[in-house]
Amino acid sequence: MSKSLAEHAGAKTGARRKGAGLADEQETAEYIGDLVRQLEKLAATHGLVKLEYLLAACREEAQEIMAGVGVRP
């Protein structure tokens, strides 16, 4: 089962954020990228080529955000 966004962000930073603050853009993109990667594999397993292609594009976008490409200042 996938981690929640809060668990994912907490695991990455090694500590829980103060209060109930949400993850930043890069942490959010990493979480979404993980989920999309799982969906992409599922689509590939069942021959859903168009969905696999679209999910791959989403995963690539998440990777660019994680790398700091196109992140808003």
N, C-alpha and C. Protein backbone atom coordinates (compact mmCIF):
# COMPACT_ATOMS: atom_id res chain seq x y z
N MET A 1 0.84 -1.18 0.00
CA MET A 1 0.00 0.00 0.00
C MET A 1 0.88 1.25 0.00
N SER A 2 0.46 2.27 -0.67
CA SER A 2 1.23 3.50 -0.78
C SER A 2 1.19 4.30 0.50
N LYS A 3 2.26 5.04 0.72
CA LYS A 3 2.29 5.95 1.86
C LYS A 3 1.42 7.16 1.57
N SER A 4 0.92 7.78 2.63
CA SER A 4 0.20 9.02 2.45
C SER A 4 1.21 10.12 2.16
N LEU A 5 0.73 11.25 1.69
CA LEU A 5 1.62 12.37 1.39
C LEU A 5 2.37 12.80 2.65
N ALA A 6 1.69 12.84 3.79
CA ALA A 6 2.34 13.25 5.04
C ALA A 6 3.43 12.25 5.42
N GLU A 7 3.14 10.95 5.29
CA GLU A 7 4.14 9.93 5.61
C GLU A 7 5.31 10.01 4.66
N HIS A 8 5.01 10.21 3.39
CA HIS A 8 6.05 10.29 2.36
C HIS A 8 6.97 11.49 2.64
N ALA A 9 6.39 12.62 2.92
CA ALA A 9 7.18 13.83 3.19
C ALA A 9 7.97 13.67 4.48
N GLY A 10 7.35 13.09 5.50
CA GLY A 10 8.03 12.88 6.77
C GLY A 10 9.21 11.94 6.63
N ALA A 11 9.04 10.89 5.85
CA ALA A 11 10.13 9.94 5.64
C ALA A 11 11.28 10.59 4.90
N LYS A 12 10.97 11.47 3.97
CA LYS A 12 12.01 12.14 3.19
C LYS A 12 12.82 13.11 4.04
N THR A 13 12.12 13.87 4.88
CA THR A 13 12.80 14.88 5.68
C THR A 13 13.38 14.31 6.95
N GLY A 14 12.92 13.10 7.32
CA GLY A 14 13.43 12.47 8.52
C GLY A 14 12.75 12.96 9.79
N ALA A 15 11.87 13.89 9.67
CA ALA A 15 11.15 14.43 10.82
C ALA A 15 9.83 14.99 10.37
N ARG A 16 8.91 15.03 11.26
CA ARG A 16 7.61 15.60 10.94
C ARG A 16 7.69 17.11 10.95
N ARG A 17 6.99 17.74 10.04
CA ARG A 17 6.96 19.21 10.01
C ARG A 17 6.16 19.73 11.19
N LYS A 18 6.46 20.94 11.61
CA LYS A 18 5.68 21.56 12.68
C LYS A 18 4.26 21.78 12.23
N GLY A 19 3.33 21.54 13.10
CA GLY A 19 1.92 21.75 12.77
C GLY A 19 1.45 20.77 11.72
N ALA A 20 0.40 21.17 11.04
CA ALA A 20 -0.19 20.30 10.03
C ALA A 20 0.18 20.78 8.63
N GLY A 21 1.35 21.38 8.48
CA GLY A 21 1.76 21.91 7.18
C GLY A 21 1.86 20.83 6.13
N LEU A 22 1.60 21.22 4.91
CA LEU A 22 1.67 20.29 3.80
C LEU A 22 3.07 20.23 3.25
N ALA A 23 3.32 19.24 2.44
CA ALA A 23 4.61 19.08 1.79
C ALA A 23 4.83 20.19 0.77
N ASP A 24 6.09 20.47 0.46
CA ASP A 24 6.39 21.48 -0.55
C ASP A 24 6.18 20.90 -1.95
N GLU A 25 6.42 21.72 -2.98
CA GLU A 25 6.18 21.29 -4.36
C GLU A 25 6.98 20.05 -4.73
N GLN A 26 8.24 20.02 -4.37
CA GLN A 26 9.08 18.89 -4.76
C GLN A 26 8.67 17.61 -4.05
N GLU A 27 8.32 17.70 -2.77
CA GLU A 27 7.86 16.51 -2.05
C GLU A 27 6.53 16.02 -2.61
N THR A 28 5.66 16.96 -2.94
CA THR A 28 4.38 16.60 -3.53
C THR A 28 4.59 15.93 -4.89
N ALA A 29 5.48 16.48 -5.70
CA ALA A 29 5.77 15.90 -7.01
C ALA A 29 6.36 14.50 -6.86
N GLU A 30 7.19 14.29 -5.85
CA GLU A 30 7.76 12.97 -5.62
C GLU A 30 6.66 11.96 -5.28
N TYR A 31 5.75 12.35 -4.42
CA TYR A 31 4.63 11.49 -4.03
C TYR A 31 3.76 11.16 -5.24
N ILE A 32 3.41 12.18 -6.00
CA ILE A 32 2.58 11.96 -7.20
C ILE A 32 3.33 11.09 -8.19
N GLY A 33 4.62 11.33 -8.36
CA GLY A 33 5.43 10.51 -9.27
C GLY A 33 5.42 9.05 -8.88
N ASP A 34 5.51 8.76 -7.57
CA ASP A 34 5.46 7.38 -7.10
C ASP A 34 4.12 6.73 -7.43
N LEU A 35 3.04 7.45 -7.19
CA LEU A 35 1.71 6.93 -7.48
C LEU A 35 1.53 6.69 -8.98
N VAL A 36 1.95 7.66 -9.77
CA VAL A 36 1.80 7.56 -11.23
C VAL A 36 2.63 6.40 -11.77
N ARG A 37 3.82 6.19 -11.21
CA ARG A 37 4.68 5.08 -11.64
C ARG A 37 3.95 3.75 -11.43
N GLN A 38 3.27 3.60 -10.30
CA GLN A 38 2.50 2.38 -10.04
C GLN A 38 1.36 2.22 -11.05
N LEU A 39 0.66 3.32 -11.32
CA LEU A 39 -0.43 3.28 -12.29
C LEU A 39 0.08 2.97 -13.69
N GLU A 40 1.24 3.52 -14.02
CA GLU A 40 1.85 3.28 -15.33
C GLU A 40 2.17 1.79 -15.50
N LYS A 41 2.71 1.16 -14.46
CA LYS A 41 3.00 -0.28 -14.52
C LYS A 41 1.71 -1.08 -14.67
N LEU A 42 0.68 -0.68 -13.97
CA LEU A 42 -0.60 -1.37 -14.06
C LEU A 42 -1.17 -1.27 -15.47
N ALA A 43 -1.10 -0.07 -16.05
CA ALA A 43 -1.59 0.13 -17.41
C ALA A 43 -0.80 -0.73 -18.40
N ALA A 44 0.51 -0.80 -18.23
CA ALA A 44 1.36 -1.59 -19.11
C ALA A 44 1.02 -3.08 -19.00
N THR A 45 0.77 -3.53 -17.78
CA THR A 45 0.43 -4.94 -17.55
C THR A 45 -0.83 -5.35 -18.30
N HIS A 46 -1.75 -4.41 -18.45
CA HIS A 46 -3.03 -4.73 -19.08
C HIS A 46 -3.15 -4.20 -20.51
N GLY A 47 -2.03 -3.76 -21.06
CA GLY A 47 -2.01 -3.35 -22.46
C GLY A 47 -2.75 -2.06 -22.75
N LEU A 48 -2.87 -1.20 -21.76
CA LEU A 48 -3.55 0.08 -21.93
C LEU A 48 -2.53 1.12 -22.39
N VAL A 49 -2.20 1.04 -23.66
CA VAL A 49 -1.08 1.80 -24.22
C VAL A 49 -1.25 3.31 -24.08
N LYS A 50 -2.42 3.81 -24.40
CA LYS A 50 -2.63 5.26 -24.32
C LYS A 50 -2.52 5.75 -22.88
N LEU A 51 -3.11 5.02 -21.94
CA LEU A 51 -3.00 5.40 -20.53
C LEU A 51 -1.56 5.32 -20.07
N GLU A 52 -0.85 4.28 -20.48
CA GLU A 52 0.56 4.15 -20.12
C GLU A 52 1.36 5.35 -20.62
N TYR A 53 1.10 5.76 -21.86
CA TYR A 53 1.79 6.91 -22.45
C TYR A 53 1.49 8.19 -21.67
N LEU A 54 0.22 8.43 -21.36
CA LEU A 54 -0.16 9.64 -20.63
C LEU A 54 0.41 9.64 -19.21
N LEU A 55 0.40 8.49 -18.57
CA LEU A 55 0.97 8.39 -17.23
C LEU A 55 2.48 8.61 -17.25
N ALA A 56 3.14 8.13 -18.31
CA ALA A 56 4.59 8.36 -18.44
C ALA A 56 4.88 9.85 -18.55
N ALA A 57 4.03 10.58 -19.27
CA ALA A 57 4.20 12.03 -19.38
C ALA A 57 4.03 12.70 -18.02
N CYS A 58 3.07 12.22 -17.24
CA CYS A 58 2.86 12.76 -15.89
C CYS A 58 4.06 12.46 -15.00
N ARG A 59 4.59 11.25 -15.10
CA ARG A 59 5.76 10.87 -14.30
C ARG A 59 6.96 11.74 -14.66
N GLU A 60 7.15 11.98 -15.94
CA GLU A 60 8.27 12.83 -16.38
C GLU A 60 8.12 14.25 -15.86
N GLU A 61 6.90 14.76 -15.86
CA GLU A 61 6.65 16.10 -15.33
C GLU A 61 6.99 16.15 -13.84
N ALA A 62 6.59 15.12 -13.11
CA ALA A 62 6.90 15.06 -11.68
C ALA A 62 8.41 15.01 -11.46
N GLN A 63 9.13 14.25 -12.30
CA GLN A 63 10.58 14.16 -12.17
C GLN A 63 11.24 15.51 -12.44
N GLU A 64 10.71 16.27 -13.40
CA GLU A 64 11.26 17.60 -13.68
C GLU A 64 11.06 18.53 -12.49
N ILE A 65 9.90 18.46 -11.88
CA ILE A 65 9.64 19.29 -10.70
C ILE A 65 10.57 18.89 -9.56
N MET A 66 10.76 17.58 -9.36
CA MET A 66 11.65 17.11 -8.31
C MET A 66 13.08 17.58 -8.55
N ALA A 67 13.46 17.69 -9.82
CA ALA A 67 14.82 18.13 -10.16
C ALA A 67 14.96 19.65 -10.12
N GLY A 68 13.84 20.34 -9.90
CA GLY A 68 13.89 21.79 -9.84
C GLY A 68 13.70 22.47 -11.18
N VAL A 69 13.36 21.71 -12.21
CA VAL A 69 13.12 22.27 -13.54
C VAL A 69 11.69 22.78 -13.60
N GLY A 70 11.52 24.03 -13.89
CA GLY A 70 10.17 24.59 -14.04
C GLY A 70 9.46 24.86 -12.74
N VAL A 71 10.16 24.81 -11.62
CA VAL A 71 9.54 25.11 -10.33
C VAL A 71 9.43 26.62 -10.19
N ARG A 72 8.27 27.04 -9.77
CA ARG A 72 8.05 28.48 -9.59
C ARG A 72 8.94 29.03 -8.48
N PRO A 73 9.48 30.24 -8.67
CA PRO A 73 10.35 30.84 -7.63
C PRO A 73 9.57 31.20 -6.39
